[in-house]
Amino acid sequence: MKFVVCMENTPFGDFSADDLTIGRLYEVIGDVDAHGMIRIIDDTGEDYLYPAKLFEQVEIHDSTAERLHSIFNR
């Protein structure tokens, strides 16, 4: 399980980043794609692709990651 923290929520192209909260922790679904995008569940509760450059990856202990995953998927 990978987790990232939102560091920026500026608009990008035709897309809005209004559904991201700076400083909030998000779980990454899958890997970074060929276009530098990552899939996360944003503040709407839906999963969307966002540019990976808006986030910083954080290292979290395995047991904490499992607990966070359970919380995020309720």
Protein backbone atom coordinates (compact mmCIF):
# COMPACT_ATOMS: atom_id res chain seq x y z
CA MET A 1 0.00 0.00 0.00
CA LYS A 2 1.24 3.44 -0.94
CA PHE A 3 0.19 6.72 0.57
CA VAL A 4 0.76 10.28 -0.55
CA VAL A 5 0.18 13.72 0.92
CA CYS A 6 -1.33 16.43 -1.24
CA MET A 7 1.16 19.29 -1.51
CA GLU A 8 -0.63 21.38 -4.13
CA ASN A 9 -4.15 21.63 -5.54
CA THR A 10 -3.72 24.02 -8.44
CA PRO A 11 -5.80 23.33 -11.58
CA PHE A 12 -4.12 21.41 -14.37
CA GLY A 13 -5.26 21.73 -17.98
CA ASP A 14 -9.00 21.16 -18.25
CA PHE A 15 -9.11 19.44 -14.87
CA SER A 16 -9.78 20.90 -11.45
CA ALA A 17 -8.04 19.87 -8.26
CA ASP A 18 -10.77 21.35 -6.05
CA ASP A 19 -11.48 17.90 -4.60
CA LEU A 20 -8.02 17.66 -3.03
CA THR A 21 -7.05 19.03 0.37
CA ILE A 22 -3.50 20.26 0.89
CA GLY A 23 -1.86 18.29 3.69
CA ARG A 24 -4.34 15.43 3.51
CA LEU A 25 -3.22 11.81 3.27
CA TYR A 26 -4.52 9.77 0.30
CA GLU A 27 -4.08 6.10 -0.56
CA VAL A 28 -2.71 5.41 -4.04
CA ILE A 29 -4.57 2.85 -6.13
CA GLY A 30 -2.13 1.14 -8.49
CA ASP A 31 1.07 2.69 -9.83
CA VAL A 32 2.05 5.92 -11.56
CA ASP A 33 0.98 5.57 -15.21
CA ALA A 34 3.03 6.43 -18.30
CA HIS A 35 1.70 10.02 -18.22
CA GLY A 36 2.79 10.65 -14.62
CA MET A 37 -0.71 10.29 -13.18
CA ILE A 38 -1.76 8.47 -10.02
CA ARG A 39 -5.21 7.22 -9.05
CA ILE A 40 -6.50 8.16 -5.61
CA ILE A 41 -9.86 8.39 -3.92
CA ASP A 42 -10.33 12.13 -3.59
CA ASP A 43 -12.50 14.17 -1.23
CA THR A 44 -15.65 13.26 -3.20
CA GLY A 45 -15.15 9.59 -2.31
CA GLU A 46 -14.58 8.65 -5.96
CA ASP A 47 -11.33 7.52 -7.55
CA TYR A 48 -9.74 9.82 -10.11
CA LEU A 49 -6.39 10.30 -11.81
CA TYR A 50 -4.28 13.25 -10.72
CA PRO A 51 -0.77 14.36 -11.68
CA ALA A 52 1.71 12.70 -9.32
CA LYS A 53 3.54 16.04 -9.06
CA LEU A 54 0.74 17.33 -6.81
CA PHE A 55 1.73 14.81 -4.12
CA GLU A 56 4.67 13.59 -2.05
CA GLN A 57 4.89 9.91 -1.20
CA VAL A 58 5.14 9.09 2.51
CA GLU A 59 6.57 6.00 4.15
CA ILE A 60 4.19 4.39 6.64
CA HIS A 61 4.80 1.36 8.83
CA ASP A 62 3.01 -1.74 7.46
CA SER A 63 0.64 -2.15 10.40
CA THR A 64 -0.32 1.54 10.20
CA ALA A 65 -0.81 1.26 6.44
CA GLU A 66 -3.17 -1.69 6.92
CA ARG A 67 -5.20 0.23 9.51
CA LEU A 68 -5.38 3.30 7.25
CA HIS A 69 -6.45 1.14 4.30
CA SER A 70 -9.30 -0.28 6.42
CA ILE A 71 -10.39 3.20 7.48
CA PHE A 72 -10.28 4.59 3.93
CA ASN A 73 -12.32 1.66 2.58
CA ARG A 74 -15.25 1.82 5.00
